[in-house]
Amino acid sequence: MSREPDDRQWFLRSDATRDLRHCFRHGVVHRTRCSGWRQAGVVVVTRVYLVRHGRASAGWDTDPDPGLDDEGRRQAAATAEALSILPDMPLVASPLRRCRETAAFLSAKWKYDPVTIQPLVAEIPSPEGVPMSERVAWLRGAMAGTWSDLGPRYTAFRDDVVGYVTGLSRDTVIFSHFIAINALIGACRGDDRLVIASLDNASVTIIDVDQNGHPSLARTGRVADTLIR
């Protein structure tokens, strides 16, 4: 699509809105649709919008389940405004409060209730026996490596995230976490690293899943110098 229709007033001033305006220009903001033709017929894909939660009010090493701070609520509202141009579709959120609070903004826009809470898109767990005060140090070290480096518990976590998302049969918005969304980017690219993209808070990554459950990356969300705290 070469330009936005005049009535698409959703691209206002926020970074999140500009991020999705780019998607709309390039014809990638759609519901489940035909993505191409093959000899066997039309290839139908499911589009999944992966929203990283807004900025949390506390760090990973001080609060096991923080909500959003004022900036996080602003980010969540801006992303909800941008996504609200889409036809309504299922909303799924990690059980953690920062994701549920981020999802609430789009849920209110669409009057969609309830949001489905899905543990399979939750935050990466810290190892057993690691005290809360040492969780950030552990995560920073893990982020420099691969899933294989972390061993079976963590490759199983990754595979559960990917398996859930690639099993969806309807376009869906999922509110999740930095590492979980990176796991999905890695599945699309065949990349074993924990961190492939430094996704900003409230950014939107878009993947398509074909009828055989194979994911492809349609759009990497906005990136930033993400602070792990």
C-alpha atoms as a PDB file:
ATOM      1  CA  MET A   1       0.000   0.000   0.000  1.00  0.00           C
ATOM      2  CA  SER A   2       1.568   3.264  -1.054  1.00  0.00           C
ATOM      3  CA  ARG A   3       0.081   5.597   1.517  1.00  0.00           C
ATOM      4  CA  GLU A   4      -2.171   5.704   4.537  1.00  0.00           C
ATOM      5  CA  PRO A   5      -5.810   6.601   3.902  1.00  0.00           C
ATOM      6  CA  ASP A   6      -6.697  10.075   5.155  1.00  0.00           C
ATOM      7  CA  ASP A   7      -8.926   8.696   7.905  1.00  0.00           C
ATOM      8  CA  ARG A   8      -6.074   6.788   9.543  1.00  0.00           C
ATOM      9  CA  GLN A   9      -5.552   9.391  12.241  1.00  0.00           C
ATOM     10  CA  TRP A  10      -3.899   6.853  14.499  1.00  0.00           C
ATOM     11  CA  PHE A  11      -0.381   7.882  13.443  1.00  0.00           C
ATOM     12  CA  LEU A  12      -0.032  10.872  15.717  1.00  0.00           C
ATOM     13  CA  ARG A  13       3.123  11.682  17.654  1.00  0.00           C
ATOM     14  CA  SER A  14       4.223   8.692  19.717  1.00  0.00           C
ATOM     15  CA  ASP A  15       7.129   6.444  18.772  1.00  0.00           C
ATOM     16  CA  ALA A  16       4.882   3.394  19.049  1.00  0.00           C
ATOM     17  CA  THR A  17       2.410   4.871  16.560  1.00  0.00           C
ATOM     18  CA  ARG A  18       5.167   5.758  14.101  1.00  0.00           C
ATOM     19  CA  ASP A  19       6.459   2.205  14.438  1.00  0.00           C
ATOM     20  CA  LEU A  20       3.126   0.743  13.304  1.00  0.00           C
ATOM     21  CA  ARG A  21       2.664   3.411  10.631  1.00  0.00           C
ATOM     22  CA  HIS A  22       5.738   1.933   8.945  1.00  0.00           C
ATOM     23  CA  CYS A  23       4.063  -1.480   9.056  1.00  0.00           C
ATOM     24  CA  PHE A  24       0.873  -0.090   7.506  1.00  0.00           C
ATOM     25  CA  ARG A  25       2.791   1.613   4.678  1.00  0.00           C
ATOM     26  CA  HIS A  26       4.450  -1.652   3.765  1.00  0.00           C
ATOM     27  CA  GLY A  27       1.243  -3.659   3.805  1.00  0.00           C
ATOM     28  CA  VAL A  28       1.968  -5.773   6.848  1.00  0.00           C
ATOM     29  CA  VAL A  29      -0.811  -4.722   9.209  1.00  0.00           C
ATOM     30  CA  HIS A  30      -3.594  -7.131   8.325  1.00  0.00           C
ATOM     31  CA  ARG A  31      -5.697  -9.858   9.817  1.00  0.00           C
ATOM     32  CA  THR A  32      -5.255 -13.500   8.756  1.00  0.00           C
ATOM     33  CA  ARG A  33      -4.922 -13.265   5.035  1.00  0.00           C
ATOM     34  CA  CYS A  34      -3.548 -14.898   1.901  1.00  0.00           C
ATOM     35  CA  SER A  35       0.180 -14.219   1.756  1.00  0.00           C
ATOM     36  CA  GLY A  36       0.953 -15.722  -1.659  1.00  0.00           C
ATOM     37  CA  TRP A  37       0.155 -18.340  -4.237  1.00  0.00           C
ATOM     38  CA  ARG A  38       1.606 -21.822  -4.621  1.00  0.00           C
ATOM     39  CA  GLN A  39       0.745 -24.698  -6.909  1.00  0.00           C
ATOM     40  CA  ALA A  40      -1.404 -26.219  -4.176  1.00  0.00           C
ATOM     41  CA  GLY A  41      -3.339 -22.962  -3.772  1.00  0.00           C
ATOM     42  CA  VAL A  42      -3.363 -20.010  -1.455  1.00  0.00           C
ATOM     43  CA  VAL A  43      -1.054 -19.930   1.564  1.00  0.00           C
ATOM     44  CA  VAL A  44      -2.994 -18.712   4.587  1.00  0.00           C
ATOM     45  CA  VAL A  45      -1.064 -17.325   7.528  1.00  0.00           C
ATOM     46  CA  THR A  46      -1.901 -16.345  11.077  1.00  0.00           C
ATOM     47  CA  ARG A  47      -0.481 -12.992  12.127  1.00  0.00           C
ATOM     48  CA  VAL A  48       0.713 -12.611  15.719  1.00  0.00           C
ATOM     49  CA  TYR A  49       1.483  -9.204  17.245  1.00  0.00           C
ATOM     50  CA  LEU A  50       4.026  -9.572  20.053  1.00  0.00           C
ATOM     51  CA  VAL A  51       3.967  -6.589  22.405  1.00  0.00           C
ATOM     52  CA  ARG A  52       6.694  -6.194  24.970  1.00  0.00           C
ATOM     53  CA  HIS A  53       5.273  -4.810  28.225  1.00  0.00           C
ATOM     54  CA  GLY A  54       5.695  -1.146  29.154  1.00  0.00           C
ATOM     55  CA  ARG A  55       8.406  -0.046  31.557  1.00  0.00           C
ATOM     56  CA  ALA A  56       8.123  -1.688  34.957  1.00  0.00           C
ATOM     57  CA  SER A  57       8.045   0.201  38.234  1.00  0.00           C
ATOM     58  CA  ALA A  58      10.834  -1.889  39.781  1.00  0.00           C
ATOM     59  CA  GLY A  59      13.768  -4.033  38.794  1.00  0.00           C
ATOM     60  CA  TRP A  60      13.940  -7.802  38.456  1.00  0.00           C
ATOM     61  CA  ASP A  61      16.048  -8.001  41.607  1.00  0.00           C
ATOM     62  CA  THR A  62      13.784  -5.964  43.903  1.00  0.00           C
ATOM     63  CA  ASP A  63      10.180  -6.962  43.121  1.00  0.00           C
ATOM     64  CA  PRO A  64       9.032 -10.374  41.855  1.00  0.00           C
ATOM     65  CA  ASP A  65       6.021  -8.904  40.052  1.00  0.00           C
ATOM     66  CA  PRO A  66       6.088  -5.124  39.509  1.00  0.00           C
ATOM     67  CA  GLY A  67       3.420  -3.225  37.631  1.00  0.00           C
ATOM     68  CA  LEU A  68       4.019  -0.347  35.233  1.00  0.00           C
ATOM     69  CA  ASP A  69       5.453   3.007  36.238  1.00  0.00           C
ATOM     70  CA  ASP A  70       4.109   6.288  34.801  1.00  0.00           C
ATOM     71  CA  GLU A  71       6.317   6.016  31.725  1.00  0.00           C
ATOM     72  CA  GLY A  72       5.269   2.408  31.240  1.00  0.00           C
ATOM     73  CA  ARG A  73       1.606   3.410  31.303  1.00  0.00           C
ATOM     74  CA  ARG A  74       2.291   6.134  28.739  1.00  0.00           C
ATOM     75  CA  GLN A  75       4.056   3.601  26.514  1.00  0.00           C
ATOM     76  CA  ALA A  76       1.234   1.083  26.862  1.00  0.00           C
ATOM     77  CA  ALA A  77      -1.388   3.700  26.019  1.00  0.00           C
ATOM     78  CA  ALA A  78       0.522   4.781  22.901  1.00  0.00           C
ATOM     79  CA  THR A  79       0.872   1.220  21.645  1.00  0.00           C
ATOM     80  CA  ALA A  80      -2.804   0.522  22.341  1.00  0.00           C
ATOM     81  CA  GLU A  81      -3.722   3.601  20.309  1.00  0.00           C
ATOM     82  CA  ALA A  82      -1.591   2.364  17.404  1.00  0.00           C
ATOM     83  CA  LEU A  83      -2.941  -1.194  17.507  1.00  0.00           C
ATOM     84  CA  SER A  84      -6.541  -0.094  17.902  1.00  0.00           C
ATOM     85  CA  ILE A  85      -6.836   0.443  14.126  1.00  0.00           C
ATOM     86  CA  LEU A  86      -6.864  -3.332  13.704  1.00  0.00           C
ATOM     87  CA  PRO A  87     -10.083  -5.330  13.808  1.00  0.00           C
ATOM     88  CA  ASP A  88     -10.435  -6.735  17.295  1.00  0.00           C
ATOM     89  CA  MET A  89      -8.886 -10.151  17.861  1.00  0.00           C
ATOM     90  CA  PRO A  90      -7.964 -12.335  20.846  1.00  0.00           C
ATOM     91  CA  LEU A  91      -5.717 -10.743  23.460  1.00  0.00           C
ATOM     92  CA  VAL A  92      -3.294 -12.917  25.407  1.00  0.00           C
ATOM     93  CA  ALA A  93      -1.009 -11.813  28.240  1.00  0.00           C
ATOM     94  CA  SER A  94       1.697 -13.244  30.439  1.00  0.00           C
ATOM     95  CA  PRO A  95       0.467 -13.728  34.020  1.00  0.00           C
ATOM     96  CA  LEU A  96       2.904 -11.090  35.249  1.00  0.00           C
ATOM     97  CA  ARG A  97       1.426  -7.792  36.299  1.00  0.00           C
ATOM     98  CA  ARG A  98       3.400  -5.588  33.904  1.00  0.00           C
ATOM     99  CA  CYS A  99       2.031  -7.522  30.925  1.00  0.00           C
ATOM    100  CA  ARG A 100      -1.525  -7.613  32.259  1.00  0.00           C
ATOM    101  CA  GLU A 101      -1.434  -3.858  32.836  1.00  0.00           C
ATOM    102  CA  THR A 102      -0.046  -3.248  29.340  1.00  0.00           C
ATOM    103  CA  ALA A 103      -2.785  -5.417  27.823  1.00  0.00           C
ATOM    104  CA  ALA A 104      -5.482  -3.549  29.746  1.00  0.00           C
ATOM    105  CA  PHE A 105      -5.074  -0.454  27.582  1.00  0.00           C
ATOM    106  CA  LEU A 106      -5.901  -2.243  24.322  1.00  0.00           C
ATOM    107  CA  SER A 107      -8.554  -4.322  26.052  1.00  0.00           C
ATOM    108  CA  ALA A 108     -10.267  -1.094  27.109  1.00  0.00           C
ATOM    109  CA  LYS A 109     -10.005   0.341  23.579  1.00  0.00           C
ATOM    110  CA  TRP A 110     -11.652  -2.708  22.071  1.00  0.00           C
ATOM    111  CA  LYS A 111     -13.915  -3.389  25.061  1.00  0.00           C
ATOM    112  CA  TYR A 112     -12.438  -6.889  24.917  1.00  0.00           C
ATOM    113  CA  ASP A 113     -12.791  -8.800  28.158  1.00  0.00           C
ATOM    114  CA  PRO A 114     -11.349 -10.943  29.507  1.00  0.00           C
ATOM    115  CA  VAL A 115      -7.759 -11.041  28.315  1.00  0.00           C
ATOM    116  CA  THR A 116      -6.535 -14.645  28.232  1.00  0.00           C
ATOM    117  CA  ILE A 117      -3.732 -15.223  30.747  1.00  0.00           C
ATOM    118  CA  GLN A 118      -1.158 -17.630  29.349  1.00  0.00           C
ATOM    119  CA  PRO A 119       1.825 -18.845  31.433  1.00  0.00           C
ATOM    120  CA  LEU A 120       3.560 -20.121  28.281  1.00  0.00           C
ATOM    121  CA  VAL A 121       4.440 -16.536  27.282  1.00  0.00           C
ATOM    122  CA  ALA A 122       5.745 -15.536  30.724  1.00  0.00           C
ATOM    123  CA  GLU A 123       9.191 -14.270  31.718  1.00  0.00           C
ATOM    124  CA  ILE A 124      12.215 -16.548  31.572  1.00  0.00           C
ATOM    125  CA  PRO A 125      12.582 -18.174  35.017  1.00  0.00           C
ATOM    126  CA  SER A 126      15.721 -17.685  37.057  1.00  0.00           C
ATOM    127  CA  PRO A 127      17.585 -20.811  38.182  1.00  0.00           C
ATOM    128  CA  GLU A 128      16.560 -22.525  41.383  1.00  0.00           C
ATOM    129  CA  GLY A 129      18.578 -21.312  44.334  1.00  0.00           C
ATOM    130  CA  VAL A 130      19.468 -17.927  42.827  1.00  0.00           C
ATOM    131  CA  PRO A 131      18.370 -15.229  45.317  1.00  0.00           C
ATOM    132  CA  MET A 132      16.377 -12.281  44.050  1.00  0.00           C
ATOM    133  CA  SER A 133      19.315  -9.932  44.608  1.00  0.00           C
ATOM    134  CA  GLU A 134      21.397 -11.935  42.098  1.00  0.00           C
ATOM    135  CA  ARG A 135      18.770 -12.407  39.381  1.00  0.00           C
ATOM    136  CA  VAL A 136      19.878  -9.432  37.264  1.00  0.00           C
ATOM    137  CA  ALA A 137      23.509 -10.566  37.267  1.00  0.00           C
ATOM    138  CA  TRP A 138      22.422 -14.057  36.208  1.00  0.00           C
ATOM    139  CA  LEU A 139      20.194 -12.711  33.424  1.00  0.00           C
ATOM    140  CA  ARG A 140      22.858 -10.382  32.044  1.00  0.00           C
ATOM    141  CA  GLY A 141      25.255 -13.300  31.811  1.00  0.00           C
ATOM    142  CA  ALA A 142      22.638 -15.527  30.182  1.00  0.00           C
ATOM    143  CA  MET A 143      21.765 -12.851  27.629  1.00  0.00           C
ATOM    144  CA  ALA A 144      25.316 -12.932  26.292  1.00  0.00           C
ATOM    145  CA  GLY A 145      24.987 -16.589  25.305  1.00  0.00           C
ATOM    146  CA  THR A 146      22.681 -19.119  23.684  1.00  0.00           C
ATOM    147  CA  TRP A 147      19.754 -21.266  24.722  1.00  0.00           C
ATOM    148  CA  SER A 148      21.936 -24.329  24.324  1.00  0.00           C
ATOM    149  CA  ASP A 149      24.419 -22.849  26.800  1.00  0.00           C
ATOM    150  CA  LEU A 150      21.669 -22.723  29.436  1.00  0.00           C
ATOM    151  CA  GLY A 151      20.723 -26.368  29.088  1.00  0.00           C
ATOM    152  CA  PRO A 152      17.518 -28.436  28.826  1.00  0.00           C
ATOM    153  CA  ARG A 153      15.370 -26.482  31.280  1.00  0.00           C
ATOM    154  CA  TYR A 154      15.750 -23.340  29.206  1.00  0.00           C
ATOM    155  CA  THR A 155      15.543 -24.892  25.763  1.00  0.00           C
ATOM    156  CA  ALA A 156      12.266 -26.425  26.990  1.00  0.00           C
ATOM    157  CA  PHE A 157      11.084 -22.955  28.080  1.00  0.00           C
ATOM    158  CA  ARG A 158      11.944 -21.575  24.634  1.00  0.00           C
ATOM    159  CA  ASP A 159      10.261 -24.479  22.856  1.00  0.00           C
ATOM    160  CA  ASP A 160       7.098 -24.022  24.932  1.00  0.00           C
ATOM    161  CA  VAL A 161       6.901 -20.335  23.965  1.00  0.00           C
ATOM    162  CA  VAL A 162       7.430 -21.116  20.292  1.00  0.00           C
ATOM    163  CA  GLY A 163       5.073 -24.091  20.343  1.00  0.00           C
ATOM    164  CA  TYR A 164       2.239 -22.080  21.859  1.00  0.00           C
ATOM    165  CA  VAL A 165       2.529 -19.180  19.417  1.00  0.00           C
ATOM    166  CA  THR A 166       2.993 -21.307  16.305  1.00  0.00           C
ATOM    167  CA  GLY A 167      -0.053 -23.347  17.315  1.00  0.00           C
ATOM    168  CA  LEU A 168      -2.395 -20.350  17.119  1.00  0.00           C
ATOM    169  CA  SER A 169      -5.030 -20.478  14.389  1.00  0.00           C
ATOM    170  CA  ARG A 170      -6.332 -16.915  14.742  1.00  0.00           C
ATOM    171  CA  ASP A 171      -4.624 -13.552  14.534  1.00  0.00           C
ATOM    172  CA  THR A 172      -3.732 -12.634  18.110  1.00  0.00           C
ATOM    173  CA  VAL A 173      -2.082  -9.872  20.127  1.00  0.00           C
ATOM    174  CA  ILE A 174       0.237 -11.260  22.814  1.00  0.00           C
ATOM    175  CA  PHE A 175       1.671  -9.154  25.648  1.00  0.00           C
ATOM    176  CA  SER A 176       4.912 -10.760  26.703  1.00  0.00           C
ATOM    177  CA  HIS A 177       8.545 -10.204  27.655  1.00  0.00           C
ATOM    178  CA  PHE A 178      11.908  -9.295  26.159  1.00  0.00           C
ATOM    179  CA  ILE A 179      13.401 -12.801  26.258  1.00  0.00           C
ATOM    180  CA  ALA A 180      10.238 -14.651  25.207  1.00  0.00           C
ATOM    181  CA  ILE A 181       9.791 -12.418  22.158  1.00  0.00           C
ATOM    182  CA  ASN A 182      13.461 -12.848  21.288  1.00  0.00           C
ATOM    183  CA  ALA A 183      12.927 -16.614  21.467  1.00  0.00           C
ATOM    184  CA  LEU A 184      10.289 -16.254  18.757  1.00  0.00           C
ATOM    185  CA  ILE A 185      12.534 -14.060  16.630  1.00  0.00           C
ATOM    186  CA  GLY A 186      15.195 -16.742  16.990  1.00  0.00           C
ATOM    187  CA  ALA A 187      12.732 -19.426  15.873  1.00  0.00           C
ATOM    188  CA  CYS A 188      11.975 -17.403  12.755  1.00  0.00           C
ATOM    189  CA  ARG A 189      15.657 -16.936  11.945  1.00  0.00           C
ATOM    190  CA  GLY A 190      17.091 -20.230  13.140  1.00  0.00           C
ATOM    191  CA  ASP A 191      19.212 -18.323  15.666  1.00  0.00           C
ATOM    192  CA  ASP A 192      20.028 -19.908  19.050  1.00  0.00           C
ATOM    193  CA  ARG A 193      21.044 -16.668  20.795  1.00  0.00           C
ATOM    194  CA  LEU A 194      18.943 -15.454  23.717  1.00  0.00           C
ATOM    195  CA  VAL A 195      19.063 -11.866  22.511  1.00  0.00           C
ATOM    196  CA  ILE A 196      18.778 -11.011  18.837  1.00  0.00           C
ATOM    197  CA  ALA A 197      16.975  -7.665  19.051  1.00  0.00           C
ATOM    198  CA  SER A 198      17.148  -5.116  21.904  1.00  0.00           C
ATOM    199  CA  LEU A 199      13.395  -4.590  21.906  1.00  0.00           C
ATOM    200  CA  ASP A 200      12.083  -1.413  23.469  1.00  0.00           C
ATOM    201  CA  ASN A 201       9.300  -1.364  26.028  1.00  0.00           C
ATOM    202  CA  ALA A 202       5.849  -1.502  24.393  1.00  0.00           C
ATOM    203  CA  SER A 203       7.369  -2.283  20.980  1.00  0.00           C
ATOM    204  CA  VAL A 204       5.456  -4.506  18.560  1.00  0.00           C
ATOM    205  CA  THR A 205       7.126  -7.431  16.791  1.00  0.00           C
ATOM    206  CA  ILE A 206       5.027  -9.162  14.138  1.00  0.00           C
ATOM    207  CA  ILE A 207       5.360 -12.762  13.010  1.00  0.00           C
ATOM    208  CA  ASP A 208       3.360 -14.824  10.536  1.00  0.00           C
ATOM    209  CA  VAL A 209       2.659 -18.513  11.072  1.00  0.00           C
ATOM    210  CA  ASP A 210       1.797 -20.606   8.032  1.00  0.00           C
ATOM    211  CA  GLN A 211      -0.669 -23.473   7.941  1.00  0.00           C
ATOM    212  CA  ASN A 212       2.137 -25.912   8.751  1.00  0.00           C
ATOM    213  CA  GLY A 213       3.107 -24.024  11.916  1.00  0.00           C
ATOM    214  CA  HIS A 214       6.248 -22.452  10.458  1.00  0.00           C
ATOM    215  CA  PRO A 215       6.928 -18.901  11.725  1.00  0.00           C
ATOM    216  CA  SER A 216       8.410 -16.058   9.707  1.00  0.00           C
ATOM    217  CA  LEU A 217       9.384 -12.600  10.871  1.00  0.00           C
ATOM    218  CA  ALA A 218       7.270  -9.852   9.312  1.00  0.00           C
ATOM    219  CA  ARG A 219       8.530  -7.003  11.461  1.00  0.00           C
ATOM    220  CA  THR A 220      11.023  -6.602  14.305  1.00  0.00           C
ATOM    221  CA  GLY A 221       9.775  -4.241  16.977  1.00  0.00           C
ATOM    222  CA  ARG A 222      11.346  -0.895  17.745  1.00  0.00           C
ATOM    223  CA  VAL A 223      14.721  -1.297  19.430  1.00  0.00           C
ATOM    224  CA  ALA A 224      16.389   0.717  22.174  1.00  0.00           C
ATOM    225  CA  ASP A 225      19.219   0.523  24.680  1.00  0.00           C
ATOM    226  CA  THR A 226      17.255  -1.787  26.944  1.00  0.00           C
ATOM    227  CA  LEU A 227      18.116  -1.517  30.623  1.00  0.00           C
ATOM    228  CA  ILE A 228      18.008  -4.816  32.482  1.00  0.00           C
ATOM    229  CA  ARG A 229      17.535  -3.829  36.106  1.00  0.00           C
END
